[in-house]
Each structure stands twice: as structure tokens, then as C-alpha cells.
Amino acid sequence: MFRFAPPLGFTLLTIALAAHAALAVDVETAAKIYQDASLRQQVRASLGVMPDHMRQMFAADPGAHLTDQQLDAVTAAAKRGFRIDVFEVPALVALAANLDAETVRKTDAFLESDLGHRMVAADVATALLDEPTIDKIMNGSLNAPSTPKRDALFDKLERASRSTESTVQIFLSLGQAVAIGTAVGAGRDQTQVADNARKSGEAGRAELERNMREPLRRYLAYSYRDMSDEELKHLLAFFESDVGKRFVSAYIASLGAGFDAMGRRSGEQLGETLREMAQAQLNLPVRSPPPAIAAPAPATAPVR
């Protein structure tokens, strides 16, 4: 079994953070759930493509007008920001803050069960697929045999696990985090940037959710294609239980905190680089405004 190995300095940092946060359970306890859910493996599987996606996002922004050199800076900043060590501490602290002892006990029992192991193994296996294959799954060109009954079960599973809601929220939060980080790195006041990014994201939330719900249902159906209808019913029963709902909320909070941290780190790195490039070009202390940033388009597999 995979054993959780914290990064260097993890213990001292989390102790310091815990001293200033009302954690419902301790970080070590949360780390057991993090490990059993194989969250690290799933997140790491999504990080390799982030630099390219960030570059594409900036290149497609008509208001940015970035040069190739500036786009190279976007790629470099994303490589420095989207790392598991940047994700892990805030994710674990958020997980601990949103769990309680009863939820940990019952969730751990579920994840350690045969069905729980199979669910997590299926999640990891799909997350590790190459991006073209994942795209085929989500657009429906690669799917598993199904029946109306199974389709109905996956519809319920998608909603109970809040897959669409959480995926869209992560993308919107990520876009806002990158925008704020870029503003900070460029030496600008982040308040207006954050407000604009939030309004832009909220304006597109409903459409994103409409566009993502069916692809995410397909993603679940493909991931759990080897499970029987009865096993799917047991999964649904867990997610619809009070414990399951609390676990899902904690899981989403953990992902949100981790991706927010990575987005801010990337933005800060980018803002600093763009400012340095502007100063070098003009030989003046210019504070170049960061490019306008929209919420990232859903381009990678969701992390469940």
C-alpha cells in the first residue's frame, strides 16, 4: 500500500498553521484519509499538463497580447507553481479543518473496504490515462457499455459526489488565484483584480456547469465500468449519507485550497517575471499591469 511521505519541513509548517487554525481533526489524521483516497496520485496526474494549458489560456486571451517571450514566462511560472509540494500543505490543512472524528472513522472504514479500494483504484487508473484518451472519454467517443438503469445511477452518483460543482469551482478559483497572484507579483493592488476575476467567473459559472455535467458523468461511467449495478448503489448510498456528504465537502475544500495555492504561486512568479521584463526593456521602473485572466477552460480530467 502506498504510504504517505510528507515533504521536507512539513511537520513544523503544519504545526505552525494548526496553531492559528481551528482544525476539526489533526493533520496527521487527515493525512490518513488523504492517503486512503490516493489524492496525491490523482493530483500529480493532472499537474504535468498545466503549464501547456496555462500558456494556451494566455495565448487565447485577446486582451493580453503576449509575445512569445512572455508566453515562455507563463510556461515557466506554471512549472514552478503547479507542484505537489505547493498543493499538499494547504490541501491537508483544509481537509483537517472540514472533517470530524466520526466522519474520519466511517470514511476510513469505507475507503479500506473492498469496494472503497476498487473505487479509489478506478479513480487513479483513469486519472493516469493520457490526455487524448481522457478527452475521448469526456466527449463520448470512448465509453463503456451501459443501460438506462446504469445511466440513471451515474446521474445520481455525479450529483451526489458533486463532480460538476466541484470541478467548475476549482477552475473558477484557479483563474481568480492566478489573476491575484499575477497582480501581486506585478506590484499592483489585488483588490480590484480579485473583484473583476470573481465577477467574470460567476458570470460564466452556470454555462460551465451545463457544459461539464455530461462529460463528467461519462468520466464516472468509464472509471467505474467494471462495477456492478449493486456496487454502484452501495457507492451512491455512501455519498448520499451524512458521513459521505461531509467527506465530499472536505474533499472539495482540500482540492480548492491546494489548487488555489498553486494558482497564486504561478501568478506571483509570472507577475514578477513580466515586471522584470518590462523594466529591462524600458530601463524604467515600470509596473506593467498583468494580463486579464479568465477562468481556465476545463481541459484536464477532474480530480475526484
C-alpha atoms as a PDB file:
ATOM      1  CA  MET A   1       0.000   0.000   0.000  1.00  0.00           C
ATOM      2  CA  PHE A   2       1.199   3.494  -0.799  1.00  0.00           C
ATOM      3  CA  ARG A   3       2.461   5.237   2.319  1.00  0.00           C
ATOM      4  CA  PHE A   4       2.132   8.991   2.739  1.00  0.00           C
ATOM      5  CA  ALA A   5       5.595  10.624   2.765  1.00  0.00           C
ATOM      6  CA  PRO A   6       5.392  14.328   3.714  1.00  0.00           C
ATOM      7  CA  PRO A   7       7.762  16.816   2.093  1.00  0.00           C
ATOM      8  CA  LEU A   8      10.729  18.246   3.959  1.00  0.00           C
ATOM      9  CA  GLY A   9       9.644  20.737   6.608  1.00  0.00           C
ATOM     10  CA  PHE A  10       6.045  19.517   6.542  1.00  0.00           C
ATOM     11  CA  THR A  11       5.753  18.811  10.281  1.00  0.00           C
ATOM     12  CA  LEU A  12       6.985  22.179  11.518  1.00  0.00           C
ATOM     13  CA  LEU A  13       4.943  24.093   8.983  1.00  0.00           C
ATOM     14  CA  THR A  14       1.693  22.289   9.671  1.00  0.00           C
ATOM     15  CA  ILE A  15       2.189  22.659  13.425  1.00  0.00           C
ATOM     16  CA  ALA A  16       2.587  26.385  12.914  1.00  0.00           C
ATOM     17  CA  LEU A  17      -0.502  26.525  10.716  1.00  0.00           C
ATOM     18  CA  ALA A  18      -2.546  24.419  13.098  1.00  0.00           C
ATOM     19  CA  ALA A  19      -1.691  26.795  15.929  1.00  0.00           C
ATOM     20  CA  HIS A  20      -3.609  29.516  14.100  1.00  0.00           C
ATOM     21  CA  ALA A  21      -6.483  27.428  12.732  1.00  0.00           C
ATOM     22  CA  ALA A  22      -9.348  25.647  14.440  1.00  0.00           C
ATOM     23  CA  LEU A  23      -8.790  22.235  12.902  1.00  0.00           C
ATOM     24  CA  ALA A  24     -11.612  19.799  13.484  1.00  0.00           C
ATOM     25  CA  VAL A  25      -9.134  16.888  13.433  1.00  0.00           C
ATOM     26  CA  ASP A  26      -5.336  16.932  13.477  1.00  0.00           C
ATOM     27  CA  VAL A  27      -3.393  16.990  10.215  1.00  0.00           C
ATOM     28  CA  GLU A  28      -1.952  13.523  10.791  1.00  0.00           C
ATOM     29  CA  THR A  29      -5.477  12.109  10.994  1.00  0.00           C
ATOM     30  CA  ALA A  30      -6.492  13.974   7.843  1.00  0.00           C
ATOM     31  CA  ALA A  31      -3.379  12.635   6.123  1.00  0.00           C
ATOM     32  CA  LYS A  32      -4.725   9.082   6.590  1.00  0.00           C
ATOM     33  CA  ILE A  33      -7.854   9.956   4.605  1.00  0.00           C
ATOM     34  CA  TYR A  34      -5.718  11.827   2.049  1.00  0.00           C
ATOM     35  CA  GLN A  35      -3.612   8.692   1.651  1.00  0.00           C
ATOM     36  CA  ASP A  36      -6.518   6.241   1.501  1.00  0.00           C
ATOM     37  CA  ALA A  37      -8.249   8.354  -1.163  1.00  0.00           C
ATOM     38  CA  SER A  38      -4.970   8.485  -3.173  1.00  0.00           C
ATOM     39  CA  LEU A  39      -5.442  12.215  -3.570  1.00  0.00           C
ATOM     40  CA  ARG A  40      -1.735  12.800  -4.152  1.00  0.00           C
ATOM     41  CA  GLN A  41      -1.589  10.413  -7.103  1.00  0.00           C
ATOM     42  CA  GLN A  42      -4.671  11.903  -8.718  1.00  0.00           C
ATOM     43  CA  VAL A  43      -3.498  15.489  -8.325  1.00  0.00           C
ATOM     44  CA  ARG A  44       0.009  14.710  -9.559  1.00  0.00           C
ATOM     45  CA  ALA A  45      -1.519  13.122 -12.651  1.00  0.00           C
ATOM     46  CA  SER A  46      -3.162  16.454 -13.519  1.00  0.00           C
ATOM     47  CA  LEU A  47      -0.132  18.701 -12.974  1.00  0.00           C
ATOM     48  CA  GLY A  48       2.023  17.773 -15.964  1.00  0.00           C
ATOM     49  CA  VAL A  49      -0.351  19.346 -18.480  1.00  0.00           C
ATOM     50  CA  MET A  50      -0.982  22.546 -16.520  1.00  0.00           C
ATOM     51  CA  PRO A  51       1.924  24.607 -17.962  1.00  0.00           C
ATOM     52  CA  ASP A  52       0.709  23.982 -21.528  1.00  0.00           C
ATOM     53  CA  HIS A  53      -2.881  24.754 -20.577  1.00  0.00           C
ATOM     54  CA  MET A  54      -1.857  27.959 -18.841  1.00  0.00           C
ATOM     55  CA  ARG A  55       0.107  29.022 -21.916  1.00  0.00           C
ATOM     56  CA  GLN A  56      -2.866  28.269 -24.172  1.00  0.00           C
ATOM     57  CA  MET A  57      -5.155  30.258 -21.877  1.00  0.00           C
ATOM     58  CA  PHE A  58      -2.948  33.347 -22.050  1.00  0.00           C
ATOM     59  CA  ALA A  59      -2.285  32.948 -25.789  1.00  0.00           C
ATOM     60  CA  ALA A  60      -6.026  32.822 -26.480  1.00  0.00           C
ATOM     61  CA  ASP A  61      -6.768  35.934 -24.404  1.00  0.00           C
ATOM     62  CA  PRO A  62      -7.313  38.807 -26.882  1.00  0.00           C
ATOM     63  CA  GLY A  63      -6.601  41.385 -24.186  1.00  0.00           C
ATOM     64  CA  ALA A  64      -3.210  40.016 -23.167  1.00  0.00           C
ATOM     65  CA  HIS A  65      -1.212  40.458 -26.410  1.00  0.00           C
ATOM     66  CA  LEU A  66       1.727  38.495 -25.023  1.00  0.00           C
ATOM     67  CA  THR A  67       4.909  37.935 -27.003  1.00  0.00           C
ATOM     68  CA  ASP A  68       6.495  34.507 -27.357  1.00  0.00           C
ATOM     69  CA  GLN A  69       8.994  35.500 -24.667  1.00  0.00           C
ATOM     70  CA  GLN A  70       6.162  36.436 -22.310  1.00  0.00           C
ATOM     71  CA  LEU A  71       4.337  33.200 -23.102  1.00  0.00           C
ATOM     72  CA  ASP A  72       7.538  31.332 -22.261  1.00  0.00           C
ATOM     73  CA  ALA A  73       7.397  33.136 -18.910  1.00  0.00           C
ATOM     74  CA  VAL A  74       3.833  31.847 -18.426  1.00  0.00           C
ATOM     75  CA  THR A  75       5.011  28.276 -19.014  1.00  0.00           C
ATOM     76  CA  ALA A  76       7.970  28.678 -16.646  1.00  0.00           C
ATOM     77  CA  ALA A  77       5.783  30.227 -13.925  1.00  0.00           C
ATOM     78  CA  ALA A  78       3.257  27.391 -14.186  1.00  0.00           C
ATOM     79  CA  LYS A  79       6.029  24.814 -13.872  1.00  0.00           C
ATOM     80  CA  ARG A  80       7.197  26.474 -10.648  1.00  0.00           C
ATOM     81  CA  GLY A  81       3.694  26.868  -9.258  1.00  0.00           C
ATOM     82  CA  PHE A  82       1.894  23.654 -10.165  1.00  0.00           C
ATOM     83  CA  ARG A  83       3.831  21.266  -7.949  1.00  0.00           C
ATOM     84  CA  ILE A  84       2.632  18.736  -5.424  1.00  0.00           C
ATOM     85  CA  ASP A  85       4.676  20.324  -2.611  1.00  0.00           C
ATOM     86  CA  VAL A  86       2.834  23.620  -3.197  1.00  0.00           C
ATOM     87  CA  PHE A  87      -0.510  21.802  -3.190  1.00  0.00           C
ATOM     88  CA  GLU A  88      -0.075  19.465  -0.275  1.00  0.00           C
ATOM     89  CA  VAL A  89       0.171  21.550   2.907  1.00  0.00           C
ATOM     90  CA  PRO A  90      -2.842  23.839   2.277  1.00  0.00           C
ATOM     91  CA  ALA A  91      -4.818  20.859   0.992  1.00  0.00           C
ATOM     92  CA  LEU A  92      -4.150  18.833   4.147  1.00  0.00           C
ATOM     93  CA  VAL A  93      -4.918  21.757   6.465  1.00  0.00           C
ATOM     94  CA  ALA A  94      -8.229  22.362   4.663  1.00  0.00           C
ATOM     95  CA  LEU A  95      -9.051  18.655   4.827  1.00  0.00           C
ATOM     96  CA  ALA A  96      -8.391  18.583   8.572  1.00  0.00           C
ATOM     97  CA  ALA A  97     -10.490  21.711   9.129  1.00  0.00           C
ATOM     98  CA  ASN A  98     -13.519  20.197   7.389  1.00  0.00           C
ATOM     99  CA  LEU A  99     -13.522  16.693   8.864  1.00  0.00           C
ATOM    100  CA  ASP A 100     -14.668  15.429  12.249  1.00  0.00           C
ATOM    101  CA  ALA A 101     -13.778  12.292  14.176  1.00  0.00           C
ATOM    102  CA  GLU A 102     -16.947  10.403  13.220  1.00  0.00           C
ATOM    103  CA  THR A 103     -16.559  11.227   9.530  1.00  0.00           C
ATOM    104  CA  VAL A 104     -12.915  10.140   9.624  1.00  0.00           C
ATOM    105  CA  ARG A 105     -13.778   6.844  11.319  1.00  0.00           C
ATOM    106  CA  LYS A 106     -16.589   5.896   8.929  1.00  0.00           C
ATOM    107  CA  THR A 107     -14.892   7.234   5.811  1.00  0.00           C
ATOM    108  CA  ASP A 108     -11.703   5.371   6.653  1.00  0.00           C
ATOM    109  CA  ALA A 109     -13.725   2.179   7.081  1.00  0.00           C
ATOM    110  CA  PHE A 110     -15.350   2.711   3.687  1.00  0.00           C
ATOM    111  CA  LEU A 111     -12.083   3.519   1.904  1.00  0.00           C
ATOM    112  CA  GLU A 112     -10.400   0.479   3.468  1.00  0.00           C
ATOM    113  CA  SER A 113     -13.247  -1.809   2.351  1.00  0.00           C
ATOM    114  CA  ASP A 114     -13.025  -3.873  -0.832  1.00  0.00           C
ATOM    115  CA  LEU A 115     -15.445  -1.533  -2.605  1.00  0.00           C
ATOM    116  CA  GLY A 116     -13.571   1.519  -1.354  1.00  0.00           C
ATOM    117  CA  HIS A 117     -10.264   0.124  -2.619  1.00  0.00           C
ATOM    118  CA  ARG A 118     -11.813  -0.615  -6.003  1.00  0.00           C
ATOM    119  CA  MET A 119     -13.313   2.868  -6.233  1.00  0.00           C
ATOM    120  CA  VAL A 120     -10.008   4.572  -5.461  1.00  0.00           C
ATOM    121  CA  ALA A 121      -8.075   2.256  -7.795  1.00  0.00           C
ATOM    122  CA  ALA A 122     -10.540   3.104 -10.579  1.00  0.00           C
ATOM    123  CA  ASP A 123     -10.188   6.840  -9.870  1.00  0.00           C
ATOM    124  CA  VAL A 124      -6.391   6.654 -10.030  1.00  0.00           C
ATOM    125  CA  ALA A 125      -6.341   4.449 -13.140  1.00  0.00           C
ATOM    126  CA  THR A 126      -8.498   6.904 -15.092  1.00  0.00           C
ATOM    127  CA  ALA A 127      -6.582   9.951 -13.807  1.00  0.00           C
ATOM    128  CA  LEU A 128      -3.331   8.389 -15.065  1.00  0.00           C
ATOM    129  CA  LEU A 129      -4.596   7.953 -18.625  1.00  0.00           C
ATOM    130  CA  ASP A 130      -3.020  10.181 -21.257  1.00  0.00           C
ATOM    131  CA  GLU A 131      -4.852  13.382 -22.119  1.00  0.00           C
ATOM    132  CA  PRO A 132      -6.100  12.326 -25.598  1.00  0.00           C
ATOM    133  CA  THR A 133      -7.732   9.253 -24.051  1.00  0.00           C
ATOM    134  CA  ILE A 134      -9.345  11.315 -21.297  1.00  0.00           C
ATOM    135  CA  ASP A 135     -10.651  13.727 -23.931  1.00  0.00           C
ATOM    136  CA  LYS A 136     -12.225  10.802 -25.791  1.00  0.00           C
ATOM    137  CA  ILE A 137     -13.903   9.613 -22.605  1.00  0.00           C
ATOM    138  CA  MET A 138     -15.337  13.025 -21.834  1.00  0.00           C
ATOM    139  CA  ASN A 139     -16.553  13.732 -25.378  1.00  0.00           C
ATOM    140  CA  GLY A 140     -18.199  10.322 -25.600  1.00  0.00           C
ATOM    141  CA  SER A 141     -16.096   8.744 -28.341  1.00  0.00           C
ATOM    142  CA  LEU A 142     -14.732   6.229 -25.829  1.00  0.00           C
ATOM    143  CA  ASN A 143     -17.240   4.790 -23.429  1.00  0.00           C
ATOM    144  CA  ALA A 144     -18.315   1.681 -21.572  1.00  0.00           C
ATOM    145  CA  PRO A 145     -21.426  -0.381 -22.360  1.00  0.00           C
ATOM    146  CA  SER A 146     -24.367   0.802 -20.311  1.00  0.00           C
ATOM    147  CA  THR A 147     -28.098   0.519 -19.753  1.00  0.00           C
ATOM    148  CA  PRO A 148     -30.752   3.094 -18.872  1.00  0.00           C
ATOM    149  CA  LYS A 149     -30.596   1.813 -15.292  1.00  0.00           C
ATOM    150  CA  ARG A 150     -26.830   2.342 -15.067  1.00  0.00           C
ATOM    151  CA  ASP A 151     -27.124   5.736 -16.723  1.00  0.00           C
ATOM    152  CA  ALA A 152     -29.589   6.750 -14.026  1.00  0.00           C
ATOM    153  CA  LEU A 153     -27.214   5.520 -11.308  1.00  0.00           C
ATOM    154  CA  PHE A 154     -24.327   7.525 -12.767  1.00  0.00           C
ATOM    155  CA  ASP A 155     -26.507  10.620 -12.975  1.00  0.00           C
ATOM    156  CA  LYS A 156     -27.178  10.273  -9.254  1.00  0.00           C
ATOM    157  CA  LEU A 157     -23.523   9.494  -8.478  1.00  0.00           C
ATOM    158  CA  GLU A 158     -22.342  12.551 -10.372  1.00  0.00           C
ATOM    159  CA  ARG A 159     -24.660  14.782  -8.355  1.00  0.00           C
ATOM    160  CA  ALA A 160     -24.035  13.079  -5.005  1.00  0.00           C
ATOM    161  CA  SER A 161     -20.267  13.362  -5.450  1.00  0.00           C
ATOM    162  CA  ARG A 162     -20.745  16.978  -6.633  1.00  0.00           C
ATOM    163  CA  SER A 163     -18.356  16.342  -9.509  1.00  0.00           C
ATOM    164  CA  THR A 164     -19.579  19.164 -11.734  1.00  0.00           C
ATOM    165  CA  GLU A 165     -19.948  21.692  -8.939  1.00  0.00           C
ATOM    166  CA  SER A 166     -16.506  20.987  -7.527  1.00  0.00           C
ATOM    167  CA  THR A 167     -14.711  20.865 -10.885  1.00  0.00           C
ATOM    168  CA  VAL A 168     -16.200  24.173 -12.010  1.00  0.00           C
ATOM    169  CA  GLN A 169     -15.433  25.763  -8.637  1.00  0.00           C
ATOM    170  CA  ILE A 170     -11.803  24.667  -8.853  1.00  0.00           C
ATOM    171  CA  PHE A 171     -11.419  26.126 -12.343  1.00  0.00           C
ATOM    172  CA  LEU A 172     -13.038  29.412 -11.322  1.00  0.00           C
ATOM    173  CA  SER A 173     -10.990  29.651  -8.131  1.00  0.00           C
ATOM    174  CA  LEU A 174      -7.855  28.776 -10.059  1.00  0.00           C
ATOM    175  CA  GLY A 175      -8.457  31.575 -12.554  1.00  0.00           C
ATOM    176  CA  GLN A 176      -9.019  34.041  -9.734  1.00  0.00           C
ATOM    177  CA  ALA A 177      -5.930  32.831  -7.850  1.00  0.00           C
ATOM    178  CA  VAL A 178      -3.705  33.238 -10.913  1.00  0.00           C
ATOM    179  CA  ALA A 179      -5.114  36.736 -11.506  1.00  0.00           C
ATOM    180  CA  ILE A 180      -4.477  37.787  -7.891  1.00  0.00           C
ATOM    181  CA  GLY A 181      -1.019  36.251  -7.852  1.00  0.00           C
ATOM    182  CA  THR A 182      -0.084  37.992 -11.089  1.00  0.00           C
ATOM    183  CA  ALA A 183      -1.268  41.333  -9.707  1.00  0.00           C
ATOM    184  CA  VAL A 184       0.730  40.835  -6.520  1.00  0.00           C
ATOM    185  CA  GLY A 185       3.830  39.802  -8.446  1.00  0.00           C
ATOM    186  CA  ALA A 186       3.497  42.876 -10.674  1.00  0.00           C
ATOM    187  CA  GLY A 187       3.208  45.160  -7.645  1.00  0.00           C
ATOM    188  CA  ARG A 188      -0.432  46.056  -8.186  1.00  0.00           C
ATOM    189  CA  ASP A 189      -3.294  46.252  -5.708  1.00  0.00           C
ATOM    190  CA  GLN A 190      -5.014  42.883  -5.828  1.00  0.00           C
ATOM    191  CA  THR A 191      -8.458  44.059  -4.643  1.00  0.00           C
ATOM    192  CA  GLN A 192      -9.849  45.241  -7.983  1.00  0.00           C
ATOM    193  CA  VAL A 193      -8.241  42.359  -9.857  1.00  0.00           C
ATOM    194  CA  ALA A 194      -9.824  39.845  -7.476  1.00  0.00           C
ATOM    195  CA  ASP A 195     -13.234  41.502  -7.787  1.00  0.00           C
ATOM    196  CA  ASN A 196     -13.103  41.514 -11.588  1.00  0.00           C
ATOM    197  CA  ALA A 197     -11.943  37.887 -11.730  1.00  0.00           C
ATOM    198  CA  ARG A 198     -14.693  36.826  -9.333  1.00  0.00           C
ATOM    199  CA  LYS A 199     -17.411  38.624 -11.325  1.00  0.00           C
ATOM    200  CA  SER A 200     -16.135  37.186 -14.591  1.00  0.00           C
ATOM    201  CA  GLY A 201     -16.108  33.678 -13.137  1.00  0.00           C
ATOM    202  CA  GLU A 202     -19.580  33.932 -11.628  1.00  0.00           C
ATOM    203  CA  ALA A 203     -20.974  35.209 -14.931  1.00  0.00           C
ATOM    204  CA  GLY A 204     -19.801  32.031 -16.638  1.00  0.00           C
ATOM    205  CA  ARG A 205     -20.486  29.534 -13.833  1.00  0.00           C
ATOM    206  CA  ALA A 206     -23.912  28.348 -14.989  1.00  0.00           C
ATOM    207  CA  GLU A 207     -22.758  27.763 -18.558  1.00  0.00           C
ATOM    208  CA  LEU A 208     -19.652  25.906 -17.377  1.00  0.00           C
ATOM    209  CA  GLU A 209     -21.779  23.630 -15.209  1.00  0.00           C
ATOM    210  CA  ARG A 210     -24.152  22.915 -18.094  1.00  0.00           C
ATOM    211  CA  ASN A 211     -21.245  22.097 -20.384  1.00  0.00           C
ATOM    212  CA  MET A 212     -19.404  19.926 -17.844  1.00  0.00           C
ATOM    213  CA  ARG A 213     -22.173  17.807 -16.332  1.00  0.00           C
ATOM    214  CA  GLU A 214     -22.484  15.253 -19.144  1.00  0.00           C
ATOM    215  CA  PRO A 215     -18.697  14.880 -19.734  1.00  0.00           C
ATOM    216  CA  LEU A 216     -18.216  14.272 -16.012  1.00  0.00           C
ATOM    217  CA  ARG A 217     -20.999  11.694 -15.953  1.00  0.00           C
ATOM    218  CA  ARG A 218     -19.199   9.916 -18.811  1.00  0.00           C
ATOM    219  CA  TYR A 219     -15.952  10.151 -16.863  1.00  0.00           C
ATOM    220  CA  LEU A 220     -17.533   8.436 -13.845  1.00  0.00           C
ATOM    221  CA  ALA A 221     -19.223   5.815 -16.013  1.00  0.00           C
ATOM    222  CA  TYR A 222     -15.928   4.926 -17.665  1.00  0.00           C
ATOM    223  CA  SER A 223     -13.998   4.924 -14.374  1.00  0.00           C
ATOM    224  CA  TYR A 224     -16.470   2.554 -12.701  1.00  0.00           C
ATOM    225  CA  ARG A 225     -17.273   0.481 -15.782  1.00  0.00           C
ATOM    226  CA  ASP A 226     -16.264  -2.762 -14.075  1.00  0.00           C
ATOM    227  CA  MET A 227     -18.581  -2.268 -11.088  1.00  0.00           C
ATOM    228  CA  SER A 228     -21.948  -3.982 -10.937  1.00  0.00           C
ATOM    229  CA  ASP A 229     -25.208  -2.096 -10.508  1.00  0.00           C
ATOM    230  CA  GLU A 230     -25.356  -3.257  -6.891  1.00  0.00           C
ATOM    231  CA  GLU A 231     -21.870  -1.940  -6.206  1.00  0.00           C
ATOM    232  CA  LEU A 232     -22.810   1.395  -7.748  1.00  0.00           C
ATOM    233  CA  LYS A 233     -25.824   1.509  -5.424  1.00  0.00           C
ATOM    234  CA  HIS A 234     -23.518   0.981  -2.441  1.00  0.00           C
ATOM    235  CA  LEU A 235     -21.279   3.810  -3.637  1.00  0.00           C
ATOM    236  CA  LEU A 236     -24.309   6.046  -4.015  1.00  0.00           C
ATOM    237  CA  ALA A 237     -25.539   5.132  -0.535  1.00  0.00           C
ATOM    238  CA  PHE A 238     -22.204   6.223   0.938  1.00  0.00           C
ATOM    239  CA  PHE A 239     -22.108   9.539  -0.925  1.00  0.00           C
ATOM    240  CA  GLU A 240     -25.714  10.292  -0.019  1.00  0.00           C
ATOM    241  CA  SER A 241     -25.176   9.534   3.685  1.00  0.00           C
ATOM    242  CA  ASP A 242     -24.418  12.290   6.189  1.00  0.00           C
ATOM    243  CA  VAL A 243     -20.857  10.980   6.504  1.00  0.00           C
ATOM    244  CA  GLY A 244     -20.454  10.823   2.735  1.00  0.00           C
ATOM    245  CA  LYS A 245     -21.697  14.383   2.327  1.00  0.00           C
ATOM    246  CA  ARG A 246     -19.261  15.624   4.960  1.00  0.00           C
ATOM    247  CA  PHE A 247     -16.412  13.734   3.310  1.00  0.00           C
ATOM    248  CA  VAL A 248     -17.272  15.171  -0.123  1.00  0.00           C
ATOM    249  CA  SER A 249     -17.360  18.705   1.307  1.00  0.00           C
ATOM    250  CA  ALA A 250     -13.979  18.197   2.991  1.00  0.00           C
ATOM    251  CA  TYR A 251     -12.522  16.666  -0.163  1.00  0.00           C
ATOM    252  CA  ILE A 252     -13.680  19.615  -2.269  1.00  0.00           C
ATOM    253  CA  ALA A 253     -12.326  22.111   0.276  1.00  0.00           C
ATOM    254  CA  SER A 254      -8.986  20.303   0.216  1.00  0.00           C
ATOM    255  CA  LEU A 255      -8.744  20.393  -3.573  1.00  0.00           C
ATOM    256  CA  GLY A 256      -9.809  24.031  -3.651  1.00  0.00           C
ATOM    257  CA  ALA A 257      -7.178  25.101  -1.122  1.00  0.00           C
ATOM    258  CA  GLY A 258      -4.415  23.201  -2.891  1.00  0.00           C
ATOM    259  CA  PHE A 259      -5.225  24.443  -6.391  1.00  0.00           C
ATOM    260  CA  ASP A 260      -5.703  27.973  -5.083  1.00  0.00           C
ATOM    261  CA  ALA A 261      -2.200  27.852  -3.598  1.00  0.00           C
ATOM    262  CA  MET A 262      -0.709  26.582  -6.853  1.00  0.00           C
ATOM    263  CA  GLY A 263      -2.558  29.196  -8.890  1.00  0.00           C
ATOM    264  CA  ARG A 264      -1.391  32.030  -6.652  1.00  0.00           C
ATOM    265  CA  ARG A 265       2.187  30.785  -6.717  1.00  0.00           C
ATOM    266  CA  SER A 266       2.127  30.616 -10.517  1.00  0.00           C
ATOM    267  CA  GLY A 267       0.607  34.072 -10.766  1.00  0.00           C
ATOM    268  CA  GLU A 268       3.140  35.609  -8.404  1.00  0.00           C
ATOM    269  CA  GLN A 269       6.010  34.095 -10.366  1.00  0.00           C
ATOM    270  CA  LEU A 270       4.502  35.326 -13.629  1.00  0.00           C
ATOM    271  CA  GLY A 271       3.823  38.836 -12.344  1.00  0.00           C
ATOM    272  CA  GLU A 272       7.386  39.213 -11.117  1.00  0.00           C
ATOM    273  CA  THR A 273       8.810  37.994 -14.423  1.00  0.00           C
ATOM    274  CA  LEU A 274       6.597  40.251 -16.545  1.00  0.00           C
ATOM    275  CA  ARG A 275       7.528  43.239 -14.416  1.00  0.00           C
ATOM    276  CA  GLU A 276      11.241  42.435 -14.708  1.00  0.00           C
ATOM    277  CA  MET A 277      10.905  42.037 -18.477  1.00  0.00           C
ATOM    278  CA  ALA A 278       9.144  45.407 -18.773  1.00  0.00           C
ATOM    279  CA  GLN A 279      11.801  47.112 -16.656  1.00  0.00           C
ATOM    280  CA  ALA A 280      14.613  45.544 -18.656  1.00  0.00           C
ATOM    281  CA  GLN A 281      13.055  46.596 -21.950  1.00  0.00           C
ATOM    282  CA  LEU A 282      12.380  50.204 -20.978  1.00  0.00           C
ATOM    283  CA  ASN A 283      15.104  50.556 -18.362  1.00  0.00           C
ATOM    284  CA  LEU A 284      12.492  52.257 -16.213  1.00  0.00           C
ATOM    285  CA  PRO A 285      10.705  51.199 -13.002  1.00  0.00           C
ATOM    286  CA  VAL A 286       7.575  50.254 -14.894  1.00  0.00           C
ATOM    287  CA  ARG A 287       4.823  48.301 -13.219  1.00  0.00           C
ATOM    288  CA  SER A 288       3.267  46.530 -16.127  1.00  0.00           C
ATOM    289  CA  PRO A 289      -0.360  45.571 -15.457  1.00  0.00           C
ATOM    290  CA  PRO A 290      -0.941  41.850 -15.563  1.00  0.00           C
ATOM    291  CA  PRO A 291      -2.910  40.393 -18.473  1.00  0.00           C
ATOM    292  CA  ALA A 292      -6.617  39.910 -17.970  1.00  0.00           C
ATOM    293  CA  ILE A 293      -7.289  36.354 -16.902  1.00  0.00           C
ATOM    294  CA  ALA A 294     -10.442  34.384 -17.447  1.00  0.00           C
ATOM    295  CA  ALA A 295     -11.282  31.196 -15.580  1.00  0.00           C
ATOM    296  CA  PRO A 296      -9.332  28.306 -17.126  1.00  0.00           C
ATOM    297  CA  ALA A 297     -11.366  26.265 -19.570  1.00  0.00           C
ATOM    298  CA  PRO A 298     -11.945  22.688 -18.351  1.00  0.00           C
ATOM    299  CA  ALA A 299      -9.188  20.910 -20.210  1.00  0.00           C
ATOM    300  CA  THR A 300      -7.948  18.169 -17.893  1.00  0.00           C
ATOM    301  CA  ALA A 301      -9.623  15.278 -16.181  1.00  0.00           C
ATOM    302  CA  PRO A 302     -11.435  16.116 -12.965  1.00  0.00           C
ATOM    303  CA  VAL A 303      -9.768  15.083  -9.730  1.00  0.00           C
ATOM    304  CA  ARG A 304     -12.181  13.111  -7.600  1.00  0.00           C
END
